Amino acid sequence: MKHLSELATELKHYREELALSQKDMLLNIGMSQQQYQRIESGSDTRLSTLLRVLEGLNLEMMLVPKQHISAVKVLINQATLEPEIDRHSPNNLTRETGTSWDKVLHSVDDKEDNL
């Protein structure tokens, strides 16, 4: 991601995926619709404000060395495409409920447990 407009587009997409309106961000992070709208329009934002928005959308910022970006993208794509085992019913394969990011985080947690 090299431009603020790309980040703004991703934030808007994820907010909509969560079925939240810009007004809902007031309840999530105490930010008015107008303030949040500026962020989604790609205006320059302070890091502390971005972290607040990410928290309200249940996202986490991660710094990834450029040489590992393609590996991270592969991991994310695998996690969003593969059915996962329902841990409450070990014989059933089910799609995990929640967002694609939940699947990525579970996959990473599982790999860390195996270390």
PDB file of N, CA and C in Angstrom:
ATOM      1  N   MET A   1       0.849  -1.160   0.000  1.00  0.00           N
ATOM      2  CA  MET A   1       0.000   0.000   0.000  1.00  0.00           C
ATOM      3  C   MET A   1       0.900   1.230   0.000  1.00  0.00           C
ATOM      4  N   LYS A   2       0.753   2.024  -1.022  1.00  0.00           N
ATOM      5  CA  LYS A   2       1.641   3.166  -1.159  1.00  0.00           C
ATOM      6  C   LYS A   2       0.921   4.504  -1.086  1.00  0.00           C
ATOM      7  N   HIS A   3      -0.397   4.494  -1.130  1.00  0.00           N
ATOM      8  CA  HIS A   3      -1.137   5.749  -1.146  1.00  0.00           C
ATOM      9  C   HIS A   3      -2.241   5.734  -0.091  1.00  0.00           C
ATOM     10  N   LEU A   4      -2.526   6.912   0.443  1.00  0.00           N
ATOM     11  CA  LEU A   4      -3.604   7.026   1.428  1.00  0.00           C
ATOM     12  C   LEU A   4      -4.942   6.613   0.832  1.00  0.00           C
ATOM     13  N   SER A   5      -5.125   6.856  -0.449  1.00  0.00           N
ATOM     14  CA  SER A   5      -6.397   6.492  -1.077  1.00  0.00           C
ATOM     15  C   SER A   5      -6.623   4.977  -1.029  1.00  0.00           C
ATOM     16  N   GLU A   6      -5.552   4.192  -1.130  1.00  0.00           N
ATOM     17  CA  GLU A   6      -5.683   2.735  -1.026  1.00  0.00           C
ATOM     18  C   GLU A   6      -6.124   2.331   0.379  1.00  0.00           C
ATOM     19  N   LEU A   7      -5.516   2.947   1.376  1.00  0.00           N
ATOM     20  CA  LEU A   7      -5.892   2.671   2.755  1.00  0.00           C
ATOM     21  C   LEU A   7      -7.336   3.070   3.005  1.00  0.00           C
ATOM     22  N   ALA A   8      -7.718   4.238   2.498  1.00  0.00           N
ATOM     23  CA  ALA A   8      -9.094   4.716   2.671  1.00  0.00           C
ATOM     24  C   ALA A   8     -10.091   3.743   2.048  1.00  0.00           C
ATOM     25  N   THR A   9      -9.770   3.242   0.874  1.00  0.00           N
ATOM     26  CA  THR A   9     -10.642   2.275   0.192  1.00  0.00           C
ATOM     27  C   THR A   9     -10.767   0.994   1.007  1.00  0.00           C
ATOM     28  N   GLU A  10      -9.663   0.511   1.554  1.00  0.00           N
ATOM     29  CA  GLU A  10      -9.687  -0.702   2.380  1.00  0.00           C
ATOM     30  C   GLU A  10     -10.515  -0.497   3.651  1.00  0.00           C
ATOM     31  N   LEU A  11     -10.348   0.657   4.292  1.00  0.00           N
ATOM     32  CA  LEU A  11     -11.122   0.934   5.504  1.00  0.00           C
ATOM     33  C   LEU A  11     -12.618   0.967   5.195  1.00  0.00           C
ATOM     34  N   LYS A  12     -12.975   1.621   4.101  1.00  0.00           N
ATOM     35  CA  LYS A  12     -14.391   1.706   3.717  1.00  0.00           C
ATOM     36  C   LYS A  12     -14.941   0.307   3.415  1.00  0.00           C
ATOM     37  N   HIS A  13     -14.179  -0.468   2.661  1.00  0.00           N
ATOM     38  CA  HIS A  13     -14.619  -1.827   2.317  1.00  0.00           C
ATOM     39  C   HIS A  13     -14.836  -2.659   3.581  1.00  0.00           C
ATOM     40  N   TYR A  14     -13.906  -2.596   4.502  1.00  0.00           N
ATOM     41  CA  TYR A  14     -14.020  -3.397   5.710  1.00  0.00           C
ATOM     42  C   TYR A  14     -15.176  -2.925   6.585  1.00  0.00           C
ATOM     43  N   ARG A  15     -15.364  -1.603   6.694  1.00  0.00           N
ATOM     44  CA  ARG A  15     -16.498  -1.071   7.468  1.00  0.00           C
ATOM     45  C   ARG A  15     -17.808  -1.579   6.877  1.00  0.00           C
ATOM     46  N   GLU A  16     -17.923  -1.535   5.561  1.00  0.00           N
ATOM     47  CA  GLU A  16     -19.144  -2.009   4.897  1.00  0.00           C
ATOM     48  C   GLU A  16     -19.315  -3.516   5.068  1.00  0.00           C
ATOM     49  N   GLU A  17     -18.208  -4.255   5.060  1.00  0.00           N
ATOM     50  CA  GLU A  17     -18.272  -5.702   5.284  1.00  0.00           C
ATOM     51  C   GLU A  17     -18.838  -6.010   6.673  1.00  0.00           C
ATOM     52  N   LEU A  18     -18.567  -5.128   7.631  1.00  0.00           N
ATOM     53  CA  LEU A  18     -19.089  -5.280   8.986  1.00  0.00           C
ATOM     54  C   LEU A  18     -20.502  -4.716   9.128  1.00  0.00           C
ATOM     55  N   ALA A  19     -21.058  -4.209   8.033  1.00  0.00           N
ATOM     56  CA  ALA A  19     -22.400  -3.611   8.005  1.00  0.00           C
ATOM     57  C   ALA A  19     -22.497  -2.423   8.968  1.00  0.00           C
ATOM     58  N   LEU A  20     -21.438  -1.617   9.010  1.00  0.00           N
ATOM     59  CA  LEU A  20     -21.426  -0.415   9.834  1.00  0.00           C
ATOM     60  C   LEU A  20     -21.536   0.814   8.934  1.00  0.00           C
ATOM     61  N   SER A  21     -22.244   1.809   9.417  1.00  0.00           N
ATOM     62  CA  SER A  21     -22.290   3.083   8.706  1.00  0.00           C
ATOM     63  C   SER A  21     -21.203   3.989   9.264  1.00  0.00           C
ATOM     64  N   GLN A  22     -20.949   5.078   8.581  1.00  0.00           N
ATOM     65  CA  GLN A  22     -19.988   6.050   9.106  1.00  0.00           C
ATOM     66  C   GLN A  22     -20.481   6.603  10.447  1.00  0.00           C
ATOM     67  N   LYS A  23     -21.789   6.727  10.581  1.00  0.00           N
ATOM     68  CA  LYS A  23     -22.342   7.204  11.854  1.00  0.00           C
ATOM     69  C   LYS A  23     -22.076   6.228  12.993  1.00  0.00           C
ATOM     70  N   ASP A  24     -22.032   4.938  12.683  1.00  0.00           N
ATOM     71  CA  ASP A  24     -21.755   3.924  13.712  1.00  0.00           C
ATOM     72  C   ASP A  24     -20.373   4.105  14.337  1.00  0.00           C
ATOM     73  N   MET A  25     -19.492   4.749  13.615  1.00  0.00           N
ATOM     74  CA  MET A  25     -18.136   4.944  14.140  1.00  0.00           C
ATOM     75  C   MET A  25     -18.148   5.858  15.359  1.00  0.00           C
ATOM     76  N   LEU A  26     -19.171   6.676  15.494  1.00  0.00           N
ATOM     77  CA  LEU A  26     -19.303   7.510  16.691  1.00  0.00           C
ATOM     78  C   LEU A  26     -19.406   6.625  17.928  1.00  0.00           C
ATOM     79  N   LEU A  27     -20.221   5.582  17.832  1.00  0.00           N
ATOM     80  CA  LEU A  27     -20.374   4.663  18.966  1.00  0.00           C
ATOM     81  C   LEU A  27     -19.128   3.813  19.167  1.00  0.00           C
ATOM     82  N   ASN A  28     -18.489   3.410  18.079  1.00  0.00           N
ATOM     83  CA  ASN A  28     -17.319   2.533  18.183  1.00  0.00           C
ATOM     84  C   ASN A  28     -16.080   3.238  18.714  1.00  0.00           C
ATOM     85  N   ILE A  29     -15.837   4.460  18.226  1.00  0.00           N
ATOM     86  CA  ILE A  29     -14.580   5.118  18.588  1.00  0.00           C
ATOM     87  C   ILE A  29     -14.745   6.585  18.971  1.00  0.00           C
ATOM     88  N   GLY A  30     -15.995   7.054  19.048  1.00  0.00           N
ATOM     89  CA  GLY A  30     -16.210   8.440  19.453  1.00  0.00           C
ATOM     90  C   GLY A  30     -15.837   9.449  18.390  1.00  0.00           C
ATOM     91  N   MET A  31     -15.917   9.057  17.131  1.00  0.00           N
ATOM     92  CA  MET A  31     -15.553   9.946  16.035  1.00  0.00           C
ATOM     93  C   MET A  31     -16.798  10.278  15.229  1.00  0.00           C
ATOM     94  N   SER A  32     -17.003  11.540  14.964  1.00  0.00           N
ATOM     95  CA  SER A  32     -18.199  11.950  14.229  1.00  0.00           C
ATOM     96  C   SER A  32     -18.153  11.430  12.793  1.00  0.00           C
ATOM     97  N   GLN A  33     -19.327  11.400  12.174  1.00  0.00           N
ATOM     98  CA  GLN A  33     -19.412  10.941  10.795  1.00  0.00           C
ATOM     99  C   GLN A  33     -18.545  11.815   9.894  1.00  0.00           C
ATOM    100  N   GLN A  34     -18.558  13.097  10.130  1.00  0.00           N
ATOM    101  CA  GLN A  34     -17.782  14.020   9.309  1.00  0.00           C
ATOM    102  C   GLN A  34     -16.278  13.738   9.433  1.00  0.00           C
ATOM    103  N   GLN A  35     -15.812  13.514  10.656  1.00  0.00           N
ATOM    104  CA  GLN A  35     -14.395  13.200  10.853  1.00  0.00           C
ATOM    105  C   GLN A  35     -14.034  11.887  10.161  1.00  0.00           C
ATOM    106  N   TYR A  36     -14.894  10.890  10.338  1.00  0.00           N
ATOM    107  CA  TYR A  36     -14.607   9.593   9.744  1.00  0.00           C
ATOM    108  C   TYR A  36     -14.678   9.665   8.222  1.00  0.00           C
ATOM    109  N   GLN A  37     -15.601  10.448   7.703  1.00  0.00           N
ATOM    110  CA  GLN A  37     -15.747  10.598   6.253  1.00  0.00           C
ATOM    111  C   GLN A  37     -14.458  11.153   5.633  1.00  0.00           C
ATOM    112  N   ARG A  38     -13.794  12.072   6.343  1.00  0.00           N
ATOM    113  CA  ARG A  38     -12.529  12.626   5.834  1.00  0.00           C
ATOM    114  C   ARG A  38     -11.470  11.526   5.708  1.00  0.00           C
ATOM    115  N   ILE A  39     -11.454  10.622   6.653  1.00  0.00           N
ATOM    116  CA  ILE A  39     -10.485   9.520   6.591  1.00  0.00           C
ATOM    117  C   ILE A  39     -10.760   8.642   5.380  1.00  0.00           C
ATOM    118  N   GLU A  40     -12.036   8.291   5.180  1.00  0.00           N
ATOM    119  CA  GLU A  40     -12.392   7.438   4.043  1.00  0.00           C
ATOM    120  C   GLU A  40     -12.234   8.149   2.705  1.00  0.00           C
ATOM    121  N   SER A  41     -12.165   9.461   2.719  1.00  0.00           N
ATOM    122  CA  SER A  41     -11.952  10.187   1.467  1.00  0.00           C
ATOM    123  C   SER A  41     -10.466  10.295   1.137  1.00  0.00           C
ATOM    124  N   GLY A  42      -9.620   9.788   2.041  1.00  0.00           N
ATOM    125  CA  GLY A  42      -8.194   9.741   1.759  1.00  0.00           C
ATOM    126  C   GLY A  42      -7.397  10.915   2.294  1.00  0.00           C
ATOM    127  N   SER A  43      -7.998  11.713   3.177  1.00  0.00           N
ATOM    128  CA  SER A  43      -7.235  12.838   3.725  1.00  0.00           C
ATOM    129  C   SER A  43      -6.137  12.316   4.649  1.00  0.00           C
ATOM    130  N   ASP A  44      -5.086  13.097   4.753  1.00  0.00           N
ATOM    131  CA  ASP A  44      -3.951  12.712   5.593  1.00  0.00           C
ATOM    132  C   ASP A  44      -4.421  12.626   7.036  1.00  0.00           C
ATOM    133  N   THR A  45      -4.018  11.587   7.707  1.00  0.00           N
ATOM    134  CA  THR A  45      -4.498  11.329   9.061  1.00  0.00           C
ATOM    135  C   THR A  45      -3.321  11.041   9.989  1.00  0.00           C
ATOM    136  N   ARG A  46      -3.464  11.414  11.232  1.00  0.00           N
ATOM    137  CA  ARG A  46      -2.417  11.110  12.215  1.00  0.00           C
ATOM    138  C   ARG A  46      -2.426   9.614  12.519  1.00  0.00           C
ATOM    139  N   LEU A  47      -1.280   9.120  12.892  1.00  0.00           N
ATOM    140  CA  LEU A  47      -1.158   7.703  13.218  1.00  0.00           C
ATOM    141  C   LEU A  47      -2.065   7.327  14.386  1.00  0.00           C
ATOM    142  N   SER A  48      -2.141   8.185  15.385  1.00  0.00           N
ATOM    143  CA  SER A  48      -2.994   7.885  16.546  1.00  0.00           C
ATOM    144  C   SER A  48      -4.462   7.774  16.129  1.00  0.00           C
ATOM    145  N   THR A  49      -4.881   8.593  15.175  1.00  0.00           N
ATOM    146  CA  THR A  49      -6.263   8.521  14.681  1.00  0.00           C
ATOM    147  C   THR A  49      -6.476   7.236  13.902  1.00  0.00           C
ATOM    148  N   LEU A  50      -5.519   6.869  13.079  1.00  0.00           N
ATOM    149  CA  LEU A  50      -5.614   5.621  12.319  1.00  0.00           C
ATOM    150  C   LEU A  50      -5.711   4.424  13.258  1.00  0.00           C
ATOM    151  N   LEU A  51      -4.896   4.405  14.290  1.00  0.00           N
ATOM    152  CA  LEU A  51      -4.948   3.298  15.253  1.00  0.00           C
ATOM    153  C   LEU A  51      -6.306   3.226  15.938  1.00  0.00           C
ATOM    154  N   ARG A  52      -6.897   4.365  16.227  1.00  0.00           N
ATOM    155  CA  ARG A  52      -8.237   4.413  16.833  1.00  0.00           C
ATOM    156  C   ARG A  52      -9.282   3.831  15.882  1.00  0.00           C
ATOM    157  N   VAL A  53      -9.186   4.194  14.606  1.00  0.00           N
ATOM    158  CA  VAL A  53     -10.119   3.676  13.599  1.00  0.00           C
ATOM    159  C   VAL A  53      -9.951   2.164  13.466  1.00  0.00           C
ATOM    160  N   LEU A  54      -8.719   1.697  13.401  1.00  0.00           N
ATOM    161  CA  LEU A  54      -8.471   0.259  13.288  1.00  0.00           C
ATOM    162  C   LEU A  54      -9.056  -0.495  14.473  1.00  0.00           C
ATOM    163  N   GLU A  55      -8.896   0.053  15.658  1.00  0.00           N
ATOM    164  CA  GLU A  55      -9.463  -0.565  16.861  1.00  0.00           C
ATOM    165  C   GLU A  55     -10.986  -0.668  16.747  1.00  0.00           C
ATOM    166  N   GLY A  56     -11.617   0.399  16.270  1.00  0.00           N
ATOM    167  CA  GLY A  56     -13.075   0.409  16.119  1.00  0.00           C
ATOM    168  C   GLY A  56     -13.578  -0.574  15.082  1.00  0.00           C
ATOM    169  N   LEU A  57     -12.740  -0.919  14.129  1.00  0.00           N
ATOM    170  CA  LEU A  57     -13.114  -1.890  13.099  1.00  0.00           C
ATOM    171  C   LEU A  57     -12.574  -3.286  13.404  1.00  0.00           C
ATOM    172  N   ASN A  58     -12.007  -3.447  14.595  1.00  0.00           N
ATOM    173  CA  ASN A  58     -11.431  -4.714  15.017  1.00  0.00           C
ATOM    174  C   ASN A  58     -10.335  -5.187  14.057  1.00  0.00           C
ATOM    175  N   LEU A  59      -9.499  -4.228  13.654  1.00  0.00           N
ATOM    176  CA  LEU A  59      -8.367  -4.518  12.771  1.00  0.00           C
ATOM    177  C   LEU A  59      -7.070  -4.258  13.516  1.00  0.00           C
ATOM    178  N   GLU A  60      -6.015  -4.821  13.022  1.00  0.00           N
ATOM    179  CA  GLU A  60      -4.697  -4.630  13.607  1.00  0.00           C
ATOM    180  C   GLU A  60      -3.732  -4.221  12.505  1.00  0.00           C
ATOM    181  N   MET A  61      -2.908  -3.229  12.788  1.00  0.00           N
ATOM    182  CA  MET A  61      -1.899  -2.824  11.821  1.00  0.00           C
ATOM    183  C   MET A  61      -0.675  -3.706  12.022  1.00  0.00           C
ATOM    184  N   MET A  62      -0.098  -4.123  10.904  1.00  0.00           N
ATOM    185  CA  MET A  62       1.081  -4.971  10.967  1.00  0.00           C
ATOM    186  C   MET A  62       2.093  -4.443   9.952  1.00  0.00           C
ATOM    187  N   LEU A  63       3.319  -4.305  10.373  1.00  0.00           N
ATOM    188  CA  LEU A  63       4.385  -3.903   9.469  1.00  0.00           C
ATOM    189  C   LEU A  63       5.031  -5.174   8.925  1.00  0.00           C
ATOM    190  N   VAL A  64       5.059  -5.279   7.607  1.00  0.00           N
ATOM    191  CA  VAL A  64       5.583  -6.475   6.961  1.00  0.00           C
ATOM    192  C   VAL A  64       6.748  -6.066   6.066  1.00  0.00           C
ATOM    193  N   PRO A  65       7.902  -6.671   6.257  1.00  0.00           N
ATOM    194  CA  PRO A  65       9.018  -6.374   5.350  1.00  0.00           C
ATOM    195  C   PRO A  65       8.611  -6.678   3.906  1.00  0.00           C
ATOM    196  N   LYS A  66       9.034  -5.825   2.989  1.00  0.00           N
ATOM    197  CA  LYS A  66       8.624  -5.966   1.588  1.00  0.00           C
ATOM    198  C   LYS A  66       8.919  -7.353   1.030  1.00  0.00           C
ATOM    199  N   GLN A  67      10.023  -7.944   1.436  1.00  0.00           N
ATOM    200  CA  GLN A  67      10.372  -9.252   0.884  1.00  0.00           C
ATOM    201  C   GLN A  67       9.419 -10.361   1.353  1.00  0.00           C
ATOM    202  N   HIS A  68       8.579 -10.085   2.355  1.00  0.00           N
ATOM    203  CA  HIS A  68       7.643 -11.099   2.866  1.00  0.00           C
ATOM    204  C   HIS A  68       6.183 -10.811   2.494  1.00  0.00           C
ATOM    205  N   ILE A  69       5.940  -9.744   1.763  1.00  0.00           N
ATOM    206  CA  ILE A  69       4.552  -9.372   1.432  1.00  0.00           C
ATOM    207  C   ILE A  69       3.848 -10.473   0.658  1.00  0.00           C
ATOM    208  N   SER A  70       4.513 -11.046  -0.341  1.00  0.00           N
ATOM    209  CA  SER A  70       3.819 -12.081  -1.125  1.00  0.00           C
ATOM    210  C   SER A  70       3.500 -13.305  -0.277  1.00  0.00           C
ATOM    211  N   ALA A  71       4.357 -13.661   0.666  1.00  0.00           N
ATOM    212  CA  ALA A  71       4.078 -14.802   1.543  1.00  0.00           C
ATOM    213  C   ALA A  71       2.880 -14.506   2.447  1.00  0.00           C
ATOM    214  N   VAL A  72       2.785 -13.292   2.940  1.00  0.00           N
ATOM    215  CA  VAL A  72       1.648 -12.911   3.788  1.00  0.00           C
ATOM    216  C   VAL A  72       0.365 -12.932   2.969  1.00  0.00           C
ATOM    217  N   LYS A  73       0.424 -12.445   1.733  1.00  0.00           N
ATOM    218  CA  LYS A  73      -0.767 -12.465   0.874  1.00  0.00           C
ATOM    219  C   LYS A  73      -1.217 -13.896   0.602  1.00  0.00           C
ATOM    220  N   VAL A  74      -0.276 -14.794   0.386  1.00  0.00           N
ATOM    221  CA  VAL A  74      -0.614 -16.207   0.169  1.00  0.00           C
ATOM    222  C   VAL A  74      -1.302 -16.771   1.407  1.00  0.00           C
ATOM    223  N   LEU A  75      -0.766 -16.472   2.568  1.00  0.00           N
ATOM    224  CA  LEU A  75      -1.358 -16.946   3.821  1.00  0.00           C
ATOM    225  C   LEU A  75      -2.790 -16.424   3.978  1.00  0.00           C
ATOM    226  N   ILE A  76      -2.993 -15.158   3.688  1.00  0.00           N
ATOM    227  CA  ILE A  76      -4.338 -14.568   3.792  1.00  0.00           C
ATOM    228  C   ILE A  76      -5.282 -15.237   2.798  1.00  0.00           C
ATOM    229  N   ASN A  77      -4.835 -15.420   1.561  1.00  0.00           N
ATOM    230  CA  ASN A  77      -5.692 -16.059   0.552  1.00  0.00           C
ATOM    231  C   ASN A  77      -6.030 -17.490   0.937  1.00  0.00           C
ATOM    232  N   GLN A  78      -5.067 -18.229   1.455  1.00  0.00           N
ATOM    233  CA  GLN A  78      -5.334 -19.598   1.888  1.00  0.00           C
ATOM    234  C   GLN A  78      -6.344 -19.626   3.022  1.00  0.00           C
ATOM    235  N   ALA A  79      -6.182 -18.729   3.947  1.00  0.00           N
ATOM    236  CA  ALA A  79      -7.073 -18.700   5.112  1.00  0.00           C
ATOM    237  C   ALA A  79      -8.492 -18.331   4.731  1.00  0.00           C
ATOM    238  N   THR A  80      -8.668 -17.533   3.686  1.00  0.00           N
ATOM    239  CA  THR A  80     -10.017 -17.138   3.300  1.00  0.00           C
ATOM    240  C   THR A  80     -10.675 -18.149   2.373  1.00  0.00           C
ATOM    241  N   LEU A  81      -9.894 -19.027   1.758  1.00  0.00           N
ATOM    242  CA  LEU A  81     -10.463 -19.997   0.819  1.00  0.00           C
ATOM    243  C   LEU A  81     -10.666 -21.381   1.414  1.00  0.00           C
ATOM    244  N   GLU A  82      -9.843 -21.760   2.373  1.00  0.00           N
ATOM    245  CA  GLU A  82      -9.903 -23.117   2.919  1.00  0.00           C
ATOM    246  C   GLU A  82     -10.959 -23.243   3.996  1.00  0.00           C
ATOM    247  N   PRO A  83     -11.759 -24.319   3.948  1.00  0.00           N
ATOM    248  CA  PRO A  83     -12.661 -24.566   5.075  1.00  0.00           C
ATOM    249  C   PRO A  83     -11.831 -24.941   6.297  1.00  0.00           C
ATOM    250  N   GLU A  84     -12.321 -24.553   7.443  1.00  0.00           N
ATOM    251  CA  GLU A  84     -11.600 -24.871   8.674  1.00  0.00           C
ATOM    252  C   GLU A  84     -12.390 -25.895   9.476  1.00  0.00           C
ATOM    253  N   ILE A  85     -11.693 -26.632  10.313  1.00  0.00           N
ATOM    254  CA  ILE A  85     -12.329 -27.639  11.151  1.00  0.00           C
ATOM    255  C   ILE A  85     -13.050 -26.930  12.288  1.00  0.00           C
ATOM    256  N   ASP A  86     -14.308 -27.284  12.492  1.00  0.00           N
ATOM    257  CA  ASP A  86     -15.066 -26.761  13.624  1.00  0.00           C
ATOM    258  C   ASP A  86     -14.528 -27.440  14.874  1.00  0.00           C
ATOM    259  N   ARG A  87     -13.935 -26.665  15.763  1.00  0.00           N
ATOM    260  CA  ARG A  87     -13.272 -27.232  16.941  1.00  0.00           C
ATOM    261  C   ARG A  87     -14.250 -27.853  17.928  1.00  0.00           C
ATOM    262  N   HIS A  88     -15.527 -27.510  17.820  1.00  0.00           N
ATOM    263  CA  HIS A  88     -16.532 -28.092  18.713  1.00  0.00           C
ATOM    264  C   HIS A  88     -17.052 -29.416  18.179  1.00  0.00           C
ATOM    265  N   SER A  89     -16.843 -29.650  16.913  1.00  0.00           N
ATOM    266  CA  SER A  89     -17.311 -30.867  16.284  1.00  0.00           C
ATOM    267  C   SER A  89     -16.206 -31.377  15.360  1.00  0.00           C
ATOM    268  N   PRO A  90     -15.248 -32.141  15.887  1.00  0.00           N
ATOM    269  CA  PRO A  90     -14.042 -32.488  15.139  1.00  0.00           C
ATOM    270  C   PRO A  90     -14.266 -33.259  13.843  1.00  0.00           C
ATOM    271  N   ASN A  91     -15.407 -33.870  13.668  1.00  0.00           N
ATOM    272  CA  ASN A  91     -15.643 -34.632  12.443  1.00  0.00           C
ATOM    273  C   ASN A  91     -16.275 -33.810  11.329  1.00  0.00           C
ATOM    274  N   ASN A  92     -16.616 -32.564  11.604  1.00  0.00           N
ATOM    275  CA  ASN A  92     -17.288 -31.735  10.608  1.00  0.00           C
ATOM    276  C   ASN A  92     -16.364 -30.654  10.083  1.00  0.00           C
ATOM    277  N   LEU A  93     -16.327 -30.505   8.772  1.00  0.00           N
ATOM    278  CA  LEU A  93     -15.634 -29.381   8.164  1.00  0.00           C
ATOM    279  C   LEU A  93     -16.671 -28.292   7.927  1.00  0.00           C
ATOM    280  N   THR A  94     -16.398 -27.109   8.431  1.00  0.00           N
ATOM    281  CA  THR A  94     -17.326 -26.000   8.232  1.00  0.00           C
ATOM    282  C   THR A  94     -16.552 -24.755   7.903  1.00  0.00           C
ATOM    283  N   ARG A  95     -17.220 -23.829   7.274  1.00  0.00           N
ATOM    284  CA  ARG A  95     -16.639 -22.503   7.091  1.00  0.00           C
ATOM    285  C   ARG A  95     -16.817 -21.766   8.401  1.00  0.00           C
ATOM    286  N   GLU A  96     -15.740 -21.209   8.881  1.00  0.00           N
ATOM    287  CA  GLU A  96     -15.801 -20.464  10.130  1.00  0.00           C
ATOM    288  C   GLU A  96     -16.595 -19.193   9.911  1.00  0.00           C
ATOM    289  N   THR A  97     -17.433 -18.847  10.880  1.00  0.00           N
ATOM    290  CA  THR A  97     -18.162 -17.604  10.779  1.00  0.00           C
ATOM    291  C   THR A  97     -17.250 -16.463  11.148  1.00  0.00           C
ATOM    292  N   GLY A  98     -17.580 -15.280  10.693  1.00  0.00           N
ATOM    293  CA  GLY A  98     -16.753 -14.114  10.981  1.00  0.00           C
ATOM    294  C   GLY A  98     -16.110 -13.617   9.706  1.00  0.00           C
ATOM    295  N   THR A  99     -15.178 -12.721   9.857  1.00  0.00           N
ATOM    296  CA  THR A  99     -14.550 -12.104   8.704  1.00  0.00           C
ATOM    297  C   THR A  99     -13.348 -12.910   8.248  1.00  0.00           C
ATOM    298  N   SER A 100     -12.887 -12.597   7.071  1.00  0.00           N
ATOM    299  CA  SER A 100     -11.713 -13.282   6.540  1.00  0.00           C
ATOM    300  C   SER A 100     -10.499 -13.037   7.423  1.00  0.00           C
ATOM    301  N   TRP A 101     -10.426 -11.896   8.092  1.00  0.00           N
ATOM    302  CA  TRP A 101      -9.293 -11.611   8.972  1.00  0.00           C
ATOM    303  C   TRP A 101      -9.298 -12.535  10.179  1.00  0.00           C
ATOM    304  N   ASP A 102     -10.472 -12.922  10.678  1.00  0.00           N
ATOM    305  CA  ASP A 102     -10.526 -13.866  11.787  1.00  0.00           C
ATOM    306  C   ASP A 102      -9.840 -15.168  11.400  1.00  0.00           C
ATOM    307  N   LYS A 103     -10.063 -15.606  10.182  1.00  0.00           N
ATOM    308  CA  LYS A 103      -9.465 -16.853   9.714  1.00  0.00           C
ATOM    309  C   LYS A 103      -7.950 -16.736   9.640  1.00  0.00           C
ATOM    310  N   VAL A 104      -7.468 -15.603   9.175  1.00  0.00           N
ATOM    311  CA  VAL A 104      -6.025 -15.396   9.090  1.00  0.00           C
ATOM    312  C   VAL A 104      -5.414 -15.448  10.478  1.00  0.00           C
ATOM    313  N   LEU A 105      -6.035 -14.756  11.408  1.00  0.00           N
ATOM    314  CA  LEU A 105      -5.487 -14.722  12.761  1.00  0.00           C
ATOM    315  C   LEU A 105      -5.521 -16.094  13.406  1.00  0.00           C
ATOM    316  N   HIS A 106      -6.586 -16.865  13.187  1.00  0.00           N
ATOM    317  CA  HIS A 106      -6.643 -18.227  13.724  1.00  0.00           C
ATOM    318  C   HIS A 106      -5.541 -19.088  13.121  1.00  0.00           C
ATOM    319  N   SER A 107      -5.321 -18.924  11.823  1.00  0.00           N
ATOM    320  CA  SER A 107      -4.282 -19.687  11.158  1.00  0.00           C
ATOM    321  C   SER A 107      -2.913 -19.357  11.727  1.00  0.00           C
ATOM    322  N   VAL A 108      -2.649 -18.091  11.941  1.00  0.00           N
ATOM    323  CA  VAL A 108      -1.365 -17.674  12.517  1.00  0.00           C
ATOM    324  C   VAL A 108      -1.233 -18.192  13.940  1.00  0.00           C
ATOM    325  N   ASP A 109      -2.316 -18.091  14.743  1.00  0.00           N
ATOM    326  CA  ASP A 109      -2.290 -18.599  16.115  1.00  0.00           C
ATOM    327  C   ASP A 109      -1.989 -20.088  16.145  1.00  0.00           C
ATOM    328  N   ASP A 110      -2.628 -20.827  15.244  1.00  0.00           N
ATOM    329  CA  ASP A 110      -2.403 -22.271  15.182  1.00  0.00           C
ATOM    330  C   ASP A 110      -0.948 -22.588  14.862  1.00  0.00           C
ATOM    331  N   LYS A 111      -0.358 -21.847  13.914  1.00  0.00           N
ATOM    332  CA  LYS A 111       1.037 -22.082  13.555  1.00  0.00           C
ATOM    333  C   LYS A 111       1.961 -21.727  14.700  1.00  0.00           C
ATOM    334  N   GLU A 112       1.640 -20.683  15.459  1.00  0.00           N
ATOM    335  CA  GLU A 112       2.461 -20.312  16.610  1.00  0.00           C
ATOM    336  C   GLU A 112       2.371 -21.385  17.695  1.00  0.00           C
ATOM    337  N   ASP A 113       1.192 -21.994  17.858  1.00  0.00           N
ATOM    338  CA  ASP A 113       1.036 -23.059  18.850  1.00  0.00           C
ATOM    339  C   ASP A 113       1.921 -24.264  18.529  1.00  0.00           C
ATOM    340  N   ASN A 114       2.156 -24.485  17.247  1.00  0.00           N
ATOM    341  CA  ASN A 114       2.956 -25.631  16.813  1.00  0.00           C
ATOM    342  C   ASN A 114       4.446 -25.383  16.916  1.00  0.00           C
ATOM    343  N   LEU A 115       4.861 -24.171  17.214  1.00  0.00           N
ATOM    344  CA  LEU A 115       6.303 -23.864  17.291  1.00  0.00           C
ATOM    345  C   LEU A 115       6.917 -24.368  18.563  1.00  0.00           C
TER     346      LEU A 115
END
